[in-house]
Amino acid sequence: MLFLQFELDGERYALDAAAIVQVLAYTQARALPGTPAWIAGVIEHGGAPVPVIDVSRLALGRAARALRSTRLVLVRYRSGVSPHPDETEHLLGLILERATRTQRIERERFADSGVATPHARWLGPVASDAEGLVQWVDVEQMLDDETRALLFPAASAVAVAART
């Protein structure tokens, strides 16, 4: 599998390249007052608004640094609230520091970290290589139900209607 590697305070993380739509230069997002601090805001892409998550703020409690290697990565996000997956696919922007390198890692090399992360469900298994550990980031687990309802209200309304 091919991954885009990024860093959080010197630790390596890997994002499955199959989920990536586009890697852009870092751009400020328009802030969305009333949302959690780690929601950086929204950008316009292809004529449509795209919500943006600051992964550094989500994981570390601090804003991503505007480094030359900081990227805005657009990924496919499936909210999983509809029986038709194509109806629930959205674009989601992720601000990632030091996101300039890809790496091939076989799925079998990843193993459970042995540590439960209920408040960071998006942190997946780890793999080891010559540089140390790298942890798989699962975009589908990044948003909880409440945040999903904030960012994709139409999809959440469909989910509520389907449950009743």
C-alpha atoms as a PDB file:
ATOM      1  CA  MET A   1       0.000   0.000   0.000  1.00  0.00           C
ATOM      2  CA  LEU A   2       1.105   3.533  -0.665  1.00  0.00           C
ATOM      3  CA  PHE A   3       0.914   6.078   2.153  1.00  0.00           C
ATOM      4  CA  LEU A   4       1.496   9.801   2.472  1.00  0.00           C
ATOM      5  CA  GLN A   5       3.704  10.258   5.500  1.00  0.00           C
ATOM      6  CA  PHE A   6       3.377  13.283   7.796  1.00  0.00           C
ATOM      7  CA  GLU A   7       4.619  14.228  11.245  1.00  0.00           C
ATOM      8  CA  LEU A   8       3.198  15.382  14.537  1.00  0.00           C
ATOM      9  CA  ASP A   9       5.964  16.732  16.791  1.00  0.00           C
ATOM     10  CA  GLY A  10       8.570  14.465  15.215  1.00  0.00           C
ATOM     11  CA  GLU A  11       6.469  11.273  15.255  1.00  0.00           C
ATOM     12  CA  ARG A  12       5.562   9.720  11.906  1.00  0.00           C
ATOM     13  CA  TYR A  13       2.043   8.962  10.734  1.00  0.00           C
ATOM     14  CA  ALA A  14       0.739   7.473   7.489  1.00  0.00           C
ATOM     15  CA  LEU A  15      -2.365   8.318   5.499  1.00  0.00           C
ATOM     16  CA  ASP A  16      -3.571   5.757   2.932  1.00  0.00           C
ATOM     17  CA  ALA A  17      -2.948   7.348  -0.475  1.00  0.00           C
ATOM     18  CA  ALA A  18      -6.088   5.656  -1.857  1.00  0.00           C
ATOM     19  CA  ALA A  19      -8.190   8.096   0.210  1.00  0.00           C
ATOM     20  CA  ILE A  20      -6.359  11.159  -1.112  1.00  0.00           C
ATOM     21  CA  VAL A  21      -7.969  13.250  -3.836  1.00  0.00           C
ATOM     22  CA  GLN A  22      -5.397  16.044  -4.001  1.00  0.00           C
ATOM     23  CA  VAL A  23      -2.421  17.459  -2.107  1.00  0.00           C
ATOM     24  CA  LEU A  24      -2.342  21.256  -2.081  1.00  0.00           C
ATOM     25  CA  ALA A  25      -0.058  23.897  -0.666  1.00  0.00           C
ATOM     26  CA  TYR A  26      -1.136  25.009   2.796  1.00  0.00           C
ATOM     27  CA  THR A  27      -3.921  27.598   2.623  1.00  0.00           C
ATOM     28  CA  GLN A  28      -5.717  29.385   5.443  1.00  0.00           C
ATOM     29  CA  ALA A  29      -9.284  28.184   5.812  1.00  0.00           C
ATOM     30  CA  ARG A  30     -12.162  30.546   6.538  1.00  0.00           C
ATOM     31  CA  ALA A  31     -12.924  30.145  10.236  1.00  0.00           C
ATOM     32  CA  LEU A  32     -16.266  28.705  11.351  1.00  0.00           C
ATOM     33  CA  PRO A  33     -17.201  30.267  14.717  1.00  0.00           C
ATOM     34  CA  GLY A  34     -18.939  27.927  17.130  1.00  0.00           C
ATOM     35  CA  THR A  35     -17.091  24.801  16.020  1.00  0.00           C
ATOM     36  CA  PRO A  36     -14.388  22.915  17.926  1.00  0.00           C
ATOM     37  CA  ALA A  37     -10.963  24.598  17.733  1.00  0.00           C
ATOM     38  CA  TRP A  38      -9.498  21.757  15.639  1.00  0.00           C
ATOM     39  CA  ILE A  39     -11.951  22.497  12.834  1.00  0.00           C
ATOM     40  CA  ALA A  40      -9.803  24.999  10.946  1.00  0.00           C
ATOM     41  CA  GLY A  41     -12.737  26.170   8.864  1.00  0.00           C
ATOM     42  CA  VAL A  42     -13.779  25.817   5.250  1.00  0.00           C
ATOM     43  CA  ILE A  43     -12.188  26.337   1.841  1.00  0.00           C
ATOM     44  CA  GLU A  44     -13.719  26.504  -1.612  1.00  0.00           C
ATOM     45  CA  HIS A  45     -12.684  23.732  -3.976  1.00  0.00           C
ATOM     46  CA  GLY A  46     -14.235  23.125  -7.373  1.00  0.00           C
ATOM     47  CA  GLY A  47     -17.050  25.549  -6.570  1.00  0.00           C
ATOM     48  CA  ALA A  48     -18.060  23.769  -3.363  1.00  0.00           C
ATOM     49  CA  PRO A  49     -17.230  24.331   0.309  1.00  0.00           C
ATOM     50  CA  VAL A  50     -14.897  21.788   1.909  1.00  0.00           C
ATOM     51  CA  PRO A  51     -14.501  21.577   5.711  1.00  0.00           C
ATOM     52  CA  VAL A  52     -10.909  21.510   6.961  1.00  0.00           C
ATOM     53  CA  ILE A  53      -9.477  19.763  10.037  1.00  0.00           C
ATOM     54  CA  ASP A  54      -6.227  20.916  11.639  1.00  0.00           C
ATOM     55  CA  VAL A  55      -4.773  17.519  12.551  1.00  0.00           C
ATOM     56  CA  SER A  56      -2.075  19.083  14.776  1.00  0.00           C
ATOM     57  CA  ARG A  57      -4.728  20.867  16.838  1.00  0.00           C
ATOM     58  CA  LEU A  58      -6.856  17.709  16.979  1.00  0.00           C
ATOM     59  CA  ALA A  59      -3.957  15.533  18.136  1.00  0.00           C
ATOM     60  CA  LEU A  60      -1.715  17.923  20.058  1.00  0.00           C
ATOM     61  CA  GLY A  61      -3.893  20.877  21.016  1.00  0.00           C
ATOM     62  CA  ARG A  62      -1.821  23.352  19.000  1.00  0.00           C
ATOM     63  CA  ALA A  63      -2.318  24.814  15.545  1.00  0.00           C
ATOM     64  CA  ALA A  64      -0.346  23.395  12.640  1.00  0.00           C
ATOM     65  CA  ARG A  65       2.759  25.386  11.883  1.00  0.00           C
ATOM     66  CA  ALA A  66       2.894  27.133   8.524  1.00  0.00           C
ATOM     67  CA  LEU A  67       6.030  25.286   7.398  1.00  0.00           C
ATOM     68  CA  ARG A  68       7.108  24.921   3.780  1.00  0.00           C
ATOM     69  CA  SER A  69       6.216  21.233   4.203  1.00  0.00           C
ATOM     70  CA  THR A  70       2.722  21.833   5.633  1.00  0.00           C
ATOM     71  CA  ARG A  71       0.073  20.691   3.177  1.00  0.00           C
ATOM     72  CA  LEU A  72      -3.685  20.824   2.799  1.00  0.00           C
ATOM     73  CA  VAL A  73      -4.655  17.296   1.820  1.00  0.00           C
ATOM     74  CA  LEU A  74      -8.112  16.680   0.374  1.00  0.00           C
ATOM     75  CA  VAL A  75      -9.423  13.228   1.199  1.00  0.00           C
ATOM     76  CA  ARG A  76     -12.560  11.230   0.497  1.00  0.00           C
ATOM     77  CA  TYR A  77     -14.592  10.900   3.661  1.00  0.00           C
ATOM     78  CA  ARG A  78     -17.511   8.510   3.893  1.00  0.00           C
ATOM     79  CA  SER A  79     -19.846   9.361   6.720  1.00  0.00           C
ATOM     80  CA  GLY A  80     -21.268   5.846   6.787  1.00  0.00           C
ATOM     81  CA  VAL A  81     -24.774   7.093   7.567  1.00  0.00           C
ATOM     82  CA  SER A  82     -26.544   5.899   4.450  1.00  0.00           C
ATOM     83  CA  PRO A  83     -27.080   2.463   2.939  1.00  0.00           C
ATOM     84  CA  HIS A  84     -25.672   3.945  -0.294  1.00  0.00           C
ATOM     85  CA  PRO A  85     -21.957   4.744   0.205  1.00  0.00           C
ATOM     86  CA  ASP A  86     -21.829   6.958  -2.899  1.00  0.00           C
ATOM     87  CA  GLU A  87     -24.421   9.269  -1.307  1.00  0.00           C
ATOM     88  CA  THR A  88     -22.282   9.835   1.775  1.00  0.00           C
ATOM     89  CA  GLU A  89     -18.896  10.540   0.219  1.00  0.00           C
ATOM     90  CA  HIS A  90     -17.617  14.037   0.991  1.00  0.00           C
ATOM     91  CA  LEU A  91     -14.394  15.932   0.567  1.00  0.00           C
ATOM     92  CA  LEU A  92     -12.585  16.727   3.795  1.00  0.00           C
ATOM     93  CA  GLY A  93      -9.452  18.833   4.068  1.00  0.00           C
ATOM     94  CA  LEU A  94      -6.650  17.862   6.450  1.00  0.00           C
ATOM     95  CA  ILE A  95      -3.861  20.238   7.424  1.00  0.00           C
ATOM     96  CA  LEU A  96      -0.749  18.062   7.816  1.00  0.00           C
ATOM     97  CA  GLU A  97       2.764  19.092   8.824  1.00  0.00           C
ATOM     98  CA  ARG A  98       5.804  17.678   7.019  1.00  0.00           C
ATOM     99  CA  ALA A  99       3.601  15.919   4.449  1.00  0.00           C
ATOM    100  CA  THR A 100       6.080  15.663   1.604  1.00  0.00           C
ATOM    101  CA  ARG A 101       6.962  11.989   1.365  1.00  0.00           C
ATOM    102  CA  THR A 102       5.230   8.815   0.273  1.00  0.00           C
ATOM    103  CA  GLN A 103       6.112   5.364   1.523  1.00  0.00           C
ATOM    104  CA  ARG A 104       5.081   1.838   0.577  1.00  0.00           C
ATOM    105  CA  ILE A 105       4.168  -0.334   3.540  1.00  0.00           C
ATOM    106  CA  GLU A 106       2.531  -3.727   3.228  1.00  0.00           C
ATOM    107  CA  ARG A 107      -0.707  -4.056   5.190  1.00  0.00           C
ATOM    108  CA  GLU A 108       0.656  -7.161   6.955  1.00  0.00           C
ATOM    109  CA  ARG A 109       3.463  -5.125   8.547  1.00  0.00           C
ATOM    110  CA  PHE A 110       0.968  -3.138  10.629  1.00  0.00           C
ATOM    111  CA  ALA A 111       0.095  -4.441  14.092  1.00  0.00           C
ATOM    112  CA  ASP A 112      -2.097  -3.224  16.927  1.00  0.00           C
ATOM    113  CA  SER A 113      -0.235  -0.672  19.059  1.00  0.00           C
ATOM    114  CA  GLY A 114      -1.405  -2.340  22.271  1.00  0.00           C
ATOM    115  CA  VAL A 115      -2.770   0.965  23.566  1.00  0.00           C
ATOM    116  CA  ALA A 116      -6.480   1.841  23.476  1.00  0.00           C
ATOM    117  CA  THR A 117      -7.139   5.349  22.130  1.00  0.00           C
ATOM    118  CA  PRO A 118     -10.886   5.927  22.588  1.00  0.00           C
ATOM    119  CA  HIS A 119     -10.496   9.715  22.263  1.00  0.00           C
ATOM    120  CA  ALA A 120      -8.363   9.328  19.137  1.00  0.00           C
ATOM    121  CA  ARG A 121     -10.073   6.414  17.369  1.00  0.00           C
ATOM    122  CA  TRP A 122      -8.441   7.558  14.140  1.00  0.00           C
ATOM    123  CA  LEU A 123      -5.037   6.359  15.364  1.00  0.00           C
ATOM    124  CA  GLY A 124      -4.662   2.896  13.907  1.00  0.00           C
ATOM    125  CA  PRO A 125      -2.022   0.159  13.976  1.00  0.00           C
ATOM    126  CA  VAL A 126       1.729   0.738  13.814  1.00  0.00           C
ATOM    127  CA  ALA A 127       4.508  -0.566  11.583  1.00  0.00           C
ATOM    128  CA  SER A 128       8.245  -0.518  12.136  1.00  0.00           C
ATOM    129  CA  ASP A 129      10.929   0.341   9.623  1.00  0.00           C
ATOM    130  CA  ALA A 130      14.538   1.553   9.660  1.00  0.00           C
ATOM    131  CA  GLU A 131      13.404   4.983  10.918  1.00  0.00           C
ATOM    132  CA  GLY A 132      11.250   3.635  13.773  1.00  0.00           C
ATOM    133  CA  LEU A 133       7.490   3.410  14.145  1.00  0.00           C
ATOM    134  CA  VAL A 134       4.883   4.849  11.814  1.00  0.00           C
ATOM    135  CA  GLN A 135       1.185   4.883  12.749  1.00  0.00           C
ATOM    136  CA  TRP A 136      -1.676   4.471  10.292  1.00  0.00           C
ATOM    137  CA  VAL A 137      -4.299   7.231  10.412  1.00  0.00           C
ATOM    138  CA  ASP A 138      -7.868   6.154   9.590  1.00  0.00           C
ATOM    139  CA  VAL A 139      -9.697   9.151   8.109  1.00  0.00           C
ATOM    140  CA  GLU A 140     -13.061   7.387   8.450  1.00  0.00           C
ATOM    141  CA  GLN A 141     -12.627   7.379  12.255  1.00  0.00           C
ATOM    142  CA  MET A 142     -11.547  11.021  12.528  1.00  0.00           C
ATOM    143  CA  LEU A 143     -15.012  12.509  13.084  1.00  0.00           C
ATOM    144  CA  ASP A 144     -17.408  11.524  15.835  1.00  0.00           C
ATOM    145  CA  ASP A 145     -21.192  11.699  15.281  1.00  0.00           C
ATOM    146  CA  GLU A 146     -21.482  15.229  16.684  1.00  0.00           C
ATOM    147  CA  THR A 147     -18.697  16.622  14.483  1.00  0.00           C
ATOM    148  CA  ARG A 148     -20.020  14.773  11.436  1.00  0.00           C
ATOM    149  CA  ALA A 149     -23.402  16.470  12.029  1.00  0.00           C
ATOM    150  CA  LEU A 150     -21.668  19.881  12.188  1.00  0.00           C
ATOM    151  CA  LEU A 151     -19.647  19.406   9.000  1.00  0.00           C
ATOM    152  CA  PHE A 152     -22.106  17.415   6.906  1.00  0.00           C
ATOM    153  CA  PRO A 153     -25.580  18.366   8.178  1.00  0.00           C
ATOM    154  CA  ALA A 154     -27.447  17.124   5.100  1.00  0.00           C
ATOM    155  CA  ALA A 155     -25.969  13.620   5.416  1.00  0.00           C
ATOM    156  CA  SER A 156     -26.737  13.596   9.144  1.00  0.00           C
ATOM    157  CA  ALA A 157     -30.368  14.556   8.476  1.00  0.00           C
ATOM    158  CA  VAL A 158     -30.642  11.626   6.051  1.00  0.00           C
ATOM    159  CA  ALA A 159     -29.243   9.314   8.736  1.00  0.00           C
ATOM    160  CA  VAL A 160     -31.749  10.515  11.337  1.00  0.00           C
ATOM    161  CA  ALA A 161     -34.629  10.091   8.875  1.00  0.00           C
ATOM    162  CA  ALA A 162     -33.439   6.578   7.997  1.00  0.00           C
ATOM    163  CA  ARG A 163     -33.395   5.560  11.677  1.00  0.00           C
ATOM    164  CA  THR A 164     -36.980   6.706  12.326  1.00  0.00           C
END
